[in-house]
Amino acid sequence: MRIDRTYFVIRYAAMNTAKTFFLMLILTALFVSIGYLAGGEQGMIFALALAAVTNVATYWFSDRIVLAMYRAQEVDESQAPGLFRVVRRLAQRAGLPMPRVFVIPENSPNAFATGRDPQHAVVAVTQGLLNMLDEAELEGVIAHELSHVRNRDLLIGAIAATLAGALMILARIFYLFGGRNREGSGLGSLLLLIIAPLAALLIRLAISRSREYQADESAARLTGNPRGLAYALARLEKGAEYYPLEAEPSTSHLFIVNPLRGDLLASLFSTHPPIRARIERLERMAQAGLR
């Protein structure tokens, strides 16, 4: 029974990873195509160069940028012994190096992980999260973030977000300086300006949402307690509504719960699956026999 379950988890993770890279391939192809439409071979080369530069910058500096953006402060074990105890225990269980630990001075309860690989990973939690959750719920949140580290989601998500943002810039450049100057291409340029960023957004959302589901499942198996994470998600969702976080939309996908509050339309384009759907999945895992 355990072999069958392990096989299912590995197969599910492999399929999810394959789908992610397929979506990123489409995103990259769309990026290069716009460059070609804008300037032929030279435009395509420019698009590839822009993608390369943005991805290199993302690879090396994304963690520093986002930590500085939210005024995250690195802490040691003497400053946050309970948090360190949970992070160390789960990192050892997951076979990961001990990540650096940061606390964000915000009342809004939330958390994220960042870093280019497991050897340079960072786990950041808000002070509001530490004040709100008990140890079992904190374990669920940390396990979720460490699952992102182990599944190599951090770099994939950062590259997808960077490509999507650069694609929007490229489409606007094409509209302003490229396509409009060609006879009969004004309408096509306008449509491209609308459709290309929308396609990039949808692909980015598909990547982010599938990764959140996978991290939830991995976290439940890492802790052996799906309800710990389920209870944490429910409390974090309510806490985020009561204490909204002033977050940049470009970084919202990093957080365990979406820090951006909005209406139904905003929820449709959220980088996170609905909290209710995530909790239902975890409850089904608990009812199936995983504590």
C-alpha atoms as a PDB file:
ATOM      1  CA  MET A   1       0.000   0.000   0.000  1.00  0.00           C
ATOM      2  CA  ARG A   2       2.817   2.368   0.883  1.00  0.00           C
ATOM      3  CA  ILE A   3       4.623   1.518  -2.382  1.00  0.00           C
ATOM      4  CA  ASP A   4       1.475   2.276  -4.389  1.00  0.00           C
ATOM      5  CA  ARG A   5       1.013   5.608  -2.582  1.00  0.00           C
ATOM      6  CA  THR A   6       4.662   6.570  -3.112  1.00  0.00           C
ATOM      7  CA  TYR A   7       4.397   5.659  -6.792  1.00  0.00           C
ATOM      8  CA  PHE A   8       1.282   7.820  -7.133  1.00  0.00           C
ATOM      9  CA  VAL A   9       2.974  10.810  -5.478  1.00  0.00           C
ATOM     10  CA  ILE A  10       6.060  10.506  -7.698  1.00  0.00           C
ATOM     11  CA  ARG A  11       3.932  10.099 -10.822  1.00  0.00           C
ATOM     12  CA  TYR A  12       1.739  13.082  -9.889  1.00  0.00           C
ATOM     13  CA  ALA A  13       4.795  15.266  -9.239  1.00  0.00           C
ATOM     14  CA  ALA A  14       6.370  14.222 -12.552  1.00  0.00           C
ATOM     15  CA  MET A  15       3.183  14.996 -14.489  1.00  0.00           C
ATOM     16  CA  ASN A  16       2.866  18.352 -12.766  1.00  0.00           C
ATOM     17  CA  THR A  17       6.479  19.209 -13.552  1.00  0.00           C
ATOM     18  CA  ALA A  18       6.053  18.181 -17.197  1.00  0.00           C
ATOM     19  CA  LYS A  19       2.936  20.362 -17.469  1.00  0.00           C
ATOM     20  CA  THR A  20       4.807  23.296 -15.926  1.00  0.00           C
ATOM     21  CA  PHE A  21       7.693  23.096 -18.373  1.00  0.00           C
ATOM     22  CA  PHE A  22       5.258  22.701 -21.268  1.00  0.00           C
ATOM     23  CA  LEU A  23       3.467  25.888 -20.237  1.00  0.00           C
ATOM     24  CA  MET A  24       6.788  27.698 -19.860  1.00  0.00           C
ATOM     25  CA  LEU A  25       7.764  26.507 -23.335  1.00  0.00           C
ATOM     26  CA  ILE A  26       4.573  28.051 -24.719  1.00  0.00           C
ATOM     27  CA  LEU A  27       5.312  31.269 -22.822  1.00  0.00           C
ATOM     28  CA  THR A  28       8.838  31.431 -24.243  1.00  0.00           C
ATOM     29  CA  ALA A  29       7.598  30.683 -27.767  1.00  0.00           C
ATOM     30  CA  LEU A  30       5.019  33.458 -27.465  1.00  0.00           C
ATOM     31  CA  PHE A  31       7.745  35.799 -26.244  1.00  0.00           C
ATOM     32  CA  VAL A  32      10.031  35.029 -29.207  1.00  0.00           C
ATOM     33  CA  SER A  33       7.151  35.200 -31.714  1.00  0.00           C
ATOM     34  CA  ILE A  34       6.284  38.730 -30.679  1.00  0.00           C
ATOM     35  CA  GLY A  35       9.910  39.700 -31.122  1.00  0.00           C
ATOM     36  CA  TYR A  36       9.871  38.228 -34.628  1.00  0.00           C
ATOM     37  CA  LEU A  37       6.626  40.008 -35.543  1.00  0.00           C
ATOM     38  CA  ALA A  38       7.990  43.276 -34.215  1.00  0.00           C
ATOM     39  CA  GLY A  39      11.326  43.237 -36.001  1.00  0.00           C
ATOM     40  CA  GLY A  40      11.920  40.035 -37.911  1.00  0.00           C
ATOM     41  CA  GLU A  41      15.093  38.159 -37.036  1.00  0.00           C
ATOM     42  CA  GLN A  42      16.535  41.184 -35.247  1.00  0.00           C
ATOM     43  CA  GLY A  43      13.386  41.476 -33.138  1.00  0.00           C
ATOM     44  CA  MET A  44      13.563  37.786 -32.288  1.00  0.00           C
ATOM     45  CA  ILE A  45      17.193  38.147 -31.219  1.00  0.00           C
ATOM     46  CA  PHE A  46      16.247  41.164 -29.111  1.00  0.00           C
ATOM     47  CA  ALA A  47      13.452  39.185 -27.474  1.00  0.00           C
ATOM     48  CA  LEU A  48      15.798  36.297 -26.699  1.00  0.00           C
ATOM     49  CA  ALA A  49      18.389  38.698 -25.289  1.00  0.00           C
ATOM     50  CA  LEU A  50      15.763  40.415 -23.128  1.00  0.00           C
ATOM     51  CA  ALA A  51      14.539  37.044 -21.853  1.00  0.00           C
ATOM     52  CA  ALA A  52      18.104  35.967 -21.066  1.00  0.00           C
ATOM     53  CA  VAL A  53      18.946  39.175 -19.194  1.00  0.00           C
ATOM     54  CA  THR A  54      15.762  39.147 -17.142  1.00  0.00           C
ATOM     55  CA  ASN A  55      16.167  35.470 -16.265  1.00  0.00           C
ATOM     56  CA  VAL A  56      19.790  35.914 -15.196  1.00  0.00           C
ATOM     57  CA  ALA A  57      18.804  38.875 -13.019  1.00  0.00           C
ATOM     58  CA  THR A  58      15.951  36.830 -11.570  1.00  0.00           C
ATOM     59  CA  TYR A  59      18.249  33.873 -10.867  1.00  0.00           C
ATOM     60  CA  TRP A  60      20.793  35.897  -8.903  1.00  0.00           C
ATOM     61  CA  PHE A  61      18.857  38.739  -7.304  1.00  0.00           C
ATOM     62  CA  SER A  62      15.159  37.825  -6.926  1.00  0.00           C
ATOM     63  CA  ASP A  63      15.538  36.740  -3.282  1.00  0.00           C
ATOM     64  CA  ARG A  64      17.333  39.929  -2.230  1.00  0.00           C
ATOM     65  CA  ILE A  65      14.829  42.117  -4.038  1.00  0.00           C
ATOM     66  CA  VAL A  66      11.730  40.544  -2.496  1.00  0.00           C
ATOM     67  CA  LEU A  67      13.223  40.436   1.013  1.00  0.00           C
ATOM     68  CA  ALA A  68      14.135  44.114   0.814  1.00  0.00           C
ATOM     69  CA  MET A  69      10.703  44.932  -0.607  1.00  0.00           C
ATOM     70  CA  TYR A  70       8.971  43.584   2.519  1.00  0.00           C
ATOM     71  CA  ARG A  71      11.615  44.781   5.011  1.00  0.00           C
ATOM     72  CA  ALA A  72      12.287  41.184   6.058  1.00  0.00           C
ATOM     73  CA  GLN A  73      14.842  40.844   8.848  1.00  0.00           C
ATOM     74  CA  GLU A  74      17.038  37.782   9.265  1.00  0.00           C
ATOM     75  CA  VAL A  75      16.776  36.188  12.707  1.00  0.00           C
ATOM     76  CA  ASP A  76      18.876  33.645  14.550  1.00  0.00           C
ATOM     77  CA  GLU A  77      17.863  30.847  16.894  1.00  0.00           C
ATOM     78  CA  SER A  78      18.109  32.986  20.003  1.00  0.00           C
ATOM     79  CA  GLN A  79      15.590  35.450  18.548  1.00  0.00           C
ATOM     80  CA  ALA A  80      13.044  32.889  17.290  1.00  0.00           C
ATOM     81  CA  PRO A  81      13.723  29.518  18.971  1.00  0.00           C
ATOM     82  CA  GLY A  82      10.295  28.014  18.253  1.00  0.00           C
ATOM     83  CA  LEU A  83      10.395  28.952  14.581  1.00  0.00           C
ATOM     84  CA  PHE A  84      13.943  27.618  14.212  1.00  0.00           C
ATOM     85  CA  ARG A  85      12.992  24.355  15.889  1.00  0.00           C
ATOM     86  CA  VAL A  86      10.188  23.755  13.404  1.00  0.00           C
ATOM     87  CA  VAL A  87      12.233  24.792  10.355  1.00  0.00           C
ATOM     88  CA  ARG A  88      15.217  22.635  11.343  1.00  0.00           C
ATOM     89  CA  ARG A  89      13.117  19.563  12.104  1.00  0.00           C
ATOM     90  CA  LEU A  90      11.228  19.726   8.813  1.00  0.00           C
ATOM     91  CA  ALA A  91      14.305  20.579   6.743  1.00  0.00           C
ATOM     92  CA  GLN A  92      16.065  17.498   8.123  1.00  0.00           C
ATOM     93  CA  ARG A  93      13.003  15.355   7.446  1.00  0.00           C
ATOM     94  CA  ALA A  94      12.838  16.655   3.862  1.00  0.00           C
ATOM     95  CA  GLY A  95      16.573  16.128   3.303  1.00  0.00           C
ATOM     96  CA  LEU A  96      17.194  19.838   2.728  1.00  0.00           C
ATOM     97  CA  PRO A  97      19.923  22.178   3.989  1.00  0.00           C
ATOM     98  CA  MET A  98      18.832  24.483   6.775  1.00  0.00           C
ATOM     99  CA  PRO A  99      17.468  27.620   5.039  1.00  0.00           C
ATOM    100  CA  ARG A 100      18.020  31.148   6.269  1.00  0.00           C
ATOM    101  CA  VAL A 101      15.083  32.392   8.318  1.00  0.00           C
ATOM    102  CA  PHE A 102      13.533  35.855   8.082  1.00  0.00           C
ATOM    103  CA  VAL A 103      10.685  37.604   9.896  1.00  0.00           C
ATOM    104  CA  ILE A 104       8.611  40.303   8.212  1.00  0.00           C
ATOM    105  CA  PRO A 105       7.393  43.032  10.595  1.00  0.00           C
ATOM    106  CA  GLU A 106       3.745  42.873   9.475  1.00  0.00           C
ATOM    107  CA  ASN A 107       0.560  41.962  11.337  1.00  0.00           C
ATOM    108  CA  SER A 108      -0.899  40.299   8.250  1.00  0.00           C
ATOM    109  CA  PRO A 109      -0.304  36.533   8.641  1.00  0.00           C
ATOM    110  CA  ASN A 110       1.551  35.097   5.669  1.00  0.00           C
ATOM    111  CA  ALA A 111       4.748  33.375   4.593  1.00  0.00           C
ATOM    112  CA  PHE A 112       6.866  32.673   1.534  1.00  0.00           C
ATOM    113  CA  ALA A 113      10.062  30.945   0.457  1.00  0.00           C
ATOM    114  CA  THR A 114      12.559  32.284  -2.043  1.00  0.00           C
ATOM    115  CA  GLY A 115      16.049  31.586  -3.322  1.00  0.00           C
ATOM    116  CA  ARG A 116      17.561  30.158  -6.490  1.00  0.00           C
ATOM    117  CA  ASP A 117      18.114  26.607  -5.191  1.00  0.00           C
ATOM    118  CA  PRO A 118      17.891  24.553  -1.948  1.00  0.00           C
ATOM    119  CA  GLN A 119      21.420  25.615  -0.963  1.00  0.00           C
ATOM    120  CA  HIS A 120      20.397  29.296  -1.072  1.00  0.00           C
ATOM    121  CA  ALA A 121      16.823  29.003   0.155  1.00  0.00           C
ATOM    122  CA  VAL A 122      15.113  31.477   2.451  1.00  0.00           C
ATOM    123  CA  VAL A 123      11.955  31.007   4.499  1.00  0.00           C
ATOM    124  CA  ALA A 124      10.193  34.210   5.562  1.00  0.00           C
ATOM    125  CA  VAL A 125       7.175  34.514   7.839  1.00  0.00           C
ATOM    126  CA  THR A 126       5.330  37.545   9.098  1.00  0.00           C
ATOM    127  CA  GLN A 127       5.137  38.434  12.759  1.00  0.00           C
ATOM    128  CA  GLY A 128       1.373  38.161  12.457  1.00  0.00           C
ATOM    129  CA  LEU A 129       1.679  34.517  11.424  1.00  0.00           C
ATOM    130  CA  LEU A 130       3.887  33.721  14.422  1.00  0.00           C
ATOM    131  CA  ASN A 131       1.376  35.389  16.724  1.00  0.00           C
ATOM    132  CA  MET A 132      -1.631  33.572  15.249  1.00  0.00           C
ATOM    133  CA  LEU A 133      -0.685  29.911  14.668  1.00  0.00           C
ATOM    134  CA  ASP A 134       0.022  27.078  17.073  1.00  0.00           C
ATOM    135  CA  GLU A 135       2.945  24.714  16.475  1.00  0.00           C
ATOM    136  CA  ALA A 136       1.009  22.145  14.420  1.00  0.00           C
ATOM    137  CA  GLU A 137      -0.314  24.877  12.130  1.00  0.00           C
ATOM    138  CA  LEU A 138       3.120  26.499  11.902  1.00  0.00           C
ATOM    139  CA  GLU A 139       4.532  23.098  10.922  1.00  0.00           C
ATOM    140  CA  GLY A 140       2.028  22.900   8.073  1.00  0.00           C
ATOM    141  CA  VAL A 141       3.001  26.336   6.755  1.00  0.00           C
ATOM    142  CA  ILE A 142       6.754  25.704   6.995  1.00  0.00           C
ATOM    143  CA  ALA A 143       6.351  22.287   5.371  1.00  0.00           C
ATOM    144  CA  HIS A 144       4.454  23.948   2.506  1.00  0.00           C
ATOM    145  CA  GLU A 145       7.269  26.438   1.948  1.00  0.00           C
ATOM    146  CA  LEU A 146       9.976  23.773   2.205  1.00  0.00           C
ATOM    147  CA  SER A 147       8.021  21.705  -0.313  1.00  0.00           C
ATOM    148  CA  HIS A 148       8.340  24.585  -2.749  1.00  0.00           C
ATOM    149  CA  VAL A 149      12.087  24.491  -2.118  1.00  0.00           C
ATOM    150  CA  ARG A 150      12.332  20.727  -2.577  1.00  0.00           C
ATOM    151  CA  ASN A 151      10.126  20.753  -5.685  1.00  0.00           C
ATOM    152  CA  ARG A 152      12.257  23.523  -7.255  1.00  0.00           C
ATOM    153  CA  ASP A 153       9.205  25.776  -7.542  1.00  0.00           C
ATOM    154  CA  LEU A 154      11.005  28.952  -6.524  1.00  0.00           C
ATOM    155  CA  LEU A 155      13.117  29.413  -9.621  1.00  0.00           C
ATOM    156  CA  ILE A 156      10.373  28.202 -11.990  1.00  0.00           C
ATOM    157  CA  GLY A 157       7.856  30.619 -10.502  1.00  0.00           C
ATOM    158  CA  ALA A 158      10.302  33.517 -10.613  1.00  0.00           C
ATOM    159  CA  ILE A 159      11.221  32.841 -14.253  1.00  0.00           C
ATOM    160  CA  ALA A 160       7.560  32.472 -15.265  1.00  0.00           C
ATOM    161  CA  ALA A 161       6.678  35.767 -13.571  1.00  0.00           C
ATOM    162  CA  THR A 162       9.683  37.518 -15.128  1.00  0.00           C
ATOM    163  CA  LEU A 163       8.926  36.225 -18.620  1.00  0.00           C
ATOM    164  CA  ALA A 164       5.281  37.235 -18.265  1.00  0.00           C
ATOM    165  CA  GLY A 165       6.274  40.751 -17.213  1.00  0.00           C
ATOM    166  CA  ALA A 166       8.866  41.089 -19.963  1.00  0.00           C
ATOM    167  CA  LEU A 167       6.334  39.818 -22.502  1.00  0.00           C
ATOM    168  CA  MET A 168       3.944  42.610 -21.568  1.00  0.00           C
ATOM    169  CA  ILE A 169       6.748  45.154 -22.039  1.00  0.00           C
ATOM    170  CA  LEU A 170       7.680  43.638 -25.404  1.00  0.00           C
ATOM    171  CA  ALA A 171       4.077  43.694 -26.633  1.00  0.00           C
ATOM    172  CA  ARG A 172       3.799  47.358 -25.688  1.00  0.00           C
ATOM    173  CA  ILE A 173       7.072  48.168 -27.492  1.00  0.00           C
ATOM    174  CA  PHE A 174       5.762  46.387 -30.589  1.00  0.00           C
ATOM    175  CA  TYR A 175       2.526  48.371 -30.430  1.00  0.00           C
ATOM    176  CA  LEU A 176       4.195  51.752 -29.914  1.00  0.00           C
ATOM    177  CA  PHE A 177       7.210  51.490 -32.204  1.00  0.00           C
ATOM    178  CA  GLY A 178       6.824  48.435 -34.386  1.00  0.00           C
ATOM    179  CA  GLY A 179       3.477  47.255 -35.677  1.00  0.00           C
ATOM    180  CA  ARG A 180       1.752  50.635 -35.898  1.00  0.00           C
ATOM    181  CA  ASN A 181       4.341  51.817 -38.405  1.00  0.00           C
ATOM    182  CA  ARG A 182       3.508  49.000 -40.806  1.00  0.00           C
ATOM    183  CA  GLU A 183       0.665  49.492 -43.250  1.00  0.00           C
ATOM    184  CA  GLY A 184      -2.512  47.705 -42.165  1.00  0.00           C
ATOM    185  CA  SER A 185      -0.991  46.353 -38.996  1.00  0.00           C
ATOM    186  CA  GLY A 186      -2.492  48.771 -36.485  1.00  0.00           C
ATOM    187  CA  LEU A 187      -5.435  46.542 -35.563  1.00  0.00           C
ATOM    188  CA  GLY A 188      -3.214  43.473 -35.333  1.00  0.00           C
ATOM    189  CA  SER A 189      -0.801  45.331 -33.075  1.00  0.00           C
ATOM    190  CA  LEU A 190      -3.649  46.431 -30.817  1.00  0.00           C
ATOM    191  CA  LEU A 191      -4.989  42.877 -30.594  1.00  0.00           C
ATOM    192  CA  LEU A 192      -1.493  41.607 -29.830  1.00  0.00           C
ATOM    193  CA  LEU A 193      -1.132  44.202 -27.091  1.00  0.00           C
ATOM    194  CA  ILE A 194      -4.268  42.787 -25.441  1.00  0.00           C
ATOM    195  CA  ILE A 195      -3.988  39.063 -26.184  1.00  0.00           C
ATOM    196  CA  ALA A 196      -0.289  38.466 -25.541  1.00  0.00           C
ATOM    197  CA  PRO A 197      -0.224  39.724 -21.929  1.00  0.00           C
ATOM    198  CA  LEU A 198      -3.513  37.910 -21.240  1.00  0.00           C
ATOM    199  CA  ALA A 199      -2.079  34.658 -22.577  1.00  0.00           C
ATOM    200  CA  ALA A 200       1.060  35.172 -20.485  1.00  0.00           C
ATOM    201  CA  LEU A 201      -1.057  35.828 -17.392  1.00  0.00           C
ATOM    202  CA  LEU A 202      -3.157  32.695 -17.898  1.00  0.00           C
ATOM    203  CA  ILE A 203      -0.065  30.531 -18.371  1.00  0.00           C
ATOM    204  CA  ARG A 204       1.537  32.032 -15.281  1.00  0.00           C
ATOM    205  CA  LEU A 205      -1.620  31.385 -13.257  1.00  0.00           C
ATOM    206  CA  ALA A 206      -1.769  27.775 -14.428  1.00  0.00           C
ATOM    207  CA  ILE A 207       1.837  27.231 -13.349  1.00  0.00           C
ATOM    208  CA  SER A 208       1.359  28.907  -9.969  1.00  0.00           C
ATOM    209  CA  ARG A 209      -1.932  27.195  -9.068  1.00  0.00           C
ATOM    210  CA  SER A 210      -0.734  23.679  -9.902  1.00  0.00           C
ATOM    211  CA  ARG A 211       2.394  24.265  -7.824  1.00  0.00           C
ATOM    212  CA  GLU A 212       0.347  25.379  -4.824  1.00  0.00           C
ATOM    213  CA  TYR A 213      -1.710  22.193  -4.887  1.00  0.00           C
ATOM    214  CA  GLN A 214       1.417  20.076  -5.164  1.00  0.00           C
ATOM    215  CA  ALA A 215       3.124  21.935  -2.287  1.00  0.00           C
ATOM    216  CA  ASP A 216       0.042  21.421  -0.085  1.00  0.00           C
ATOM    217  CA  GLU A 217       0.109  17.683  -0.720  1.00  0.00           C
ATOM    218  CA  SER A 218       3.862  17.431  -0.211  1.00  0.00           C
ATOM    219  CA  ALA A 219       3.576  19.383   3.030  1.00  0.00           C
ATOM    220  CA  ALA A 220       0.825  17.094   4.341  1.00  0.00           C
ATOM    221  CA  ARG A 221       2.987  14.045   3.678  1.00  0.00           C
ATOM    222  CA  LEU A 222       6.047  15.701   5.175  1.00  0.00           C
ATOM    223  CA  THR A 223       4.291  16.452   8.470  1.00  0.00           C
ATOM    224  CA  GLY A 224       1.907  13.464   8.402  1.00  0.00           C
ATOM    225  CA  ASN A 225      -0.825  15.891   9.453  1.00  0.00           C
ATOM    226  CA  PRO A 226      -2.927  17.321   6.591  1.00  0.00           C
ATOM    227  CA  ARG A 227      -5.311  19.029   9.016  1.00  0.00           C
ATOM    228  CA  GLY A 228      -2.501  21.104  10.518  1.00  0.00           C
ATOM    229  CA  LEU A 229      -2.031  22.868   7.183  1.00  0.00           C
ATOM    230  CA  ALA A 230      -5.796  22.923   6.523  1.00  0.00           C
ATOM    231  CA  TYR A 231      -6.465  24.711   9.814  1.00  0.00           C
ATOM    232  CA  ALA A 232      -3.573  27.091   9.150  1.00  0.00           C
ATOM    233  CA  LEU A 233      -4.916  28.013   5.697  1.00  0.00           C
ATOM    234  CA  ALA A 234      -8.349  28.780   7.116  1.00  0.00           C
ATOM    235  CA  ARG A 235      -6.906  31.013   9.822  1.00  0.00           C
ATOM    236  CA  LEU A 236      -4.476  32.730   7.451  1.00  0.00           C
ATOM    237  CA  GLU A 237      -7.261  33.513   5.002  1.00  0.00           C
ATOM    238  CA  LYS A 238      -9.324  35.208   7.714  1.00  0.00           C
ATOM    239  CA  GLY A 239      -6.279  36.961   9.126  1.00  0.00           C
ATOM    240  CA  ALA A 240      -5.279  38.293   5.704  1.00  0.00           C
ATOM    241  CA  GLU A 241      -8.756  39.780   5.317  1.00  0.00           C
ATOM    242  CA  TYR A 242      -8.593  41.435   8.741  1.00  0.00           C
ATOM    243  CA  TYR A 243      -4.971  42.600   8.355  1.00  0.00           C
ATOM    244  CA  PRO A 244      -4.418  43.213   4.619  1.00  0.00           C
ATOM    245  CA  LEU A 245      -0.838  43.258   3.407  1.00  0.00           C
ATOM    246  CA  GLU A 246       0.305  45.948   0.982  1.00  0.00           C
ATOM    247  CA  ALA A 247       1.872  43.531  -1.483  1.00  0.00           C
ATOM    248  CA  GLU A 248       3.164  44.021  -4.995  1.00  0.00           C
ATOM    249  CA  PRO A 249       1.086  42.032  -7.529  1.00  0.00           C
ATOM    250  CA  SER A 250       4.313  40.770  -9.137  1.00  0.00           C
ATOM    251  CA  THR A 251       5.245  38.976  -5.897  1.00  0.00           C
ATOM    252  CA  SER A 252       1.802  37.791  -4.772  1.00  0.00           C
ATOM    253  CA  HIS A 253       2.441  34.280  -6.124  1.00  0.00           C
ATOM    254  CA  LEU A 254       5.205  33.783  -3.542  1.00  0.00           C
ATOM    255  CA  PHE A 255       2.933  33.863  -0.495  1.00  0.00           C
ATOM    256  CA  ILE A 256       1.155  30.829   0.939  1.00  0.00           C
ATOM    257  CA  VAL A 257      -2.173  32.692   0.779  1.00  0.00           C
ATOM    258  CA  ASN A 258      -2.894  35.439  -1.697  1.00  0.00           C
ATOM    259  CA  PRO A 259      -2.141  38.780   0.018  1.00  0.00           C
ATOM    260  CA  LEU A 260      -4.209  40.693  -2.544  1.00  0.00           C
ATOM    261  CA  ARG A 261      -7.836  41.208  -1.638  1.00  0.00           C
ATOM    262  CA  GLY A 262     -10.386  41.723  -4.383  1.00  0.00           C
ATOM    263  CA  ASP A 263     -13.744  40.918  -5.939  1.00  0.00           C
ATOM    264  CA  LEU A 264     -14.842  37.865  -7.937  1.00  0.00           C
ATOM    265  CA  LEU A 265     -13.007  39.030 -11.055  1.00  0.00           C
ATOM    266  CA  ALA A 266      -9.787  39.416  -9.078  1.00  0.00           C
ATOM    267  CA  SER A 267     -10.190  35.917  -7.644  1.00  0.00           C
ATOM    268  CA  LEU A 268     -10.535  34.448 -11.148  1.00  0.00           C
ATOM    269  CA  PHE A 269      -7.100  35.833 -12.004  1.00  0.00           C
ATOM    270  CA  SER A 270      -5.513  34.968  -8.677  1.00  0.00           C
ATOM    271  CA  THR A 271      -2.172  33.164  -8.632  1.00  0.00           C
ATOM    272  CA  HIS A 272      -3.574  30.932  -5.857  1.00  0.00           C
ATOM    273  CA  PRO A 273      -6.286  28.277  -5.959  1.00  0.00           C
ATOM    274  CA  PRO A 274      -9.318  28.993  -3.753  1.00  0.00           C
ATOM    275  CA  ILE A 275      -8.558  28.325  -0.091  1.00  0.00           C
ATOM    276  CA  ARG A 276     -11.716  26.221   0.198  1.00  0.00           C
ATOM    277  CA  ALA A 277     -10.529  23.911  -2.597  1.00  0.00           C
ATOM    278  CA  ARG A 278      -7.119  23.531  -0.961  1.00  0.00           C
ATOM    279  CA  ILE A 279      -8.667  22.709   2.404  1.00  0.00           C
ATOM    280  CA  GLU A 280     -11.029  20.159   0.832  1.00  0.00           C
ATOM    281  CA  ARG A 281      -8.096  18.358  -0.759  1.00  0.00           C
ATOM    282  CA  LEU A 282      -6.265  18.223   2.563  1.00  0.00           C
ATOM    283  CA  GLU A 283      -9.389  16.972   4.328  1.00  0.00           C
ATOM    284  CA  ARG A 284      -9.713  14.175   1.776  1.00  0.00           C
ATOM    285  CA  MET A 285      -6.105  13.183   2.473  1.00  0.00           C
ATOM    286  CA  ALA A 286      -6.852  13.098   6.204  1.00  0.00           C
ATOM    287  CA  GLN A 287      -9.997  11.041   5.725  1.00  0.00           C
ATOM    288  CA  ALA A 288      -8.128   8.590   3.490  1.00  0.00           C
ATOM    289  CA  GLY A 289      -5.932   7.640   6.403  1.00  0.00           C
ATOM    290  CA  LEU A 290      -3.034  10.098   6.454  1.00  0.00           C
ATOM    291  CA  ARG A 291      -3.269  11.737   9.873  1.00  0.00           C
END
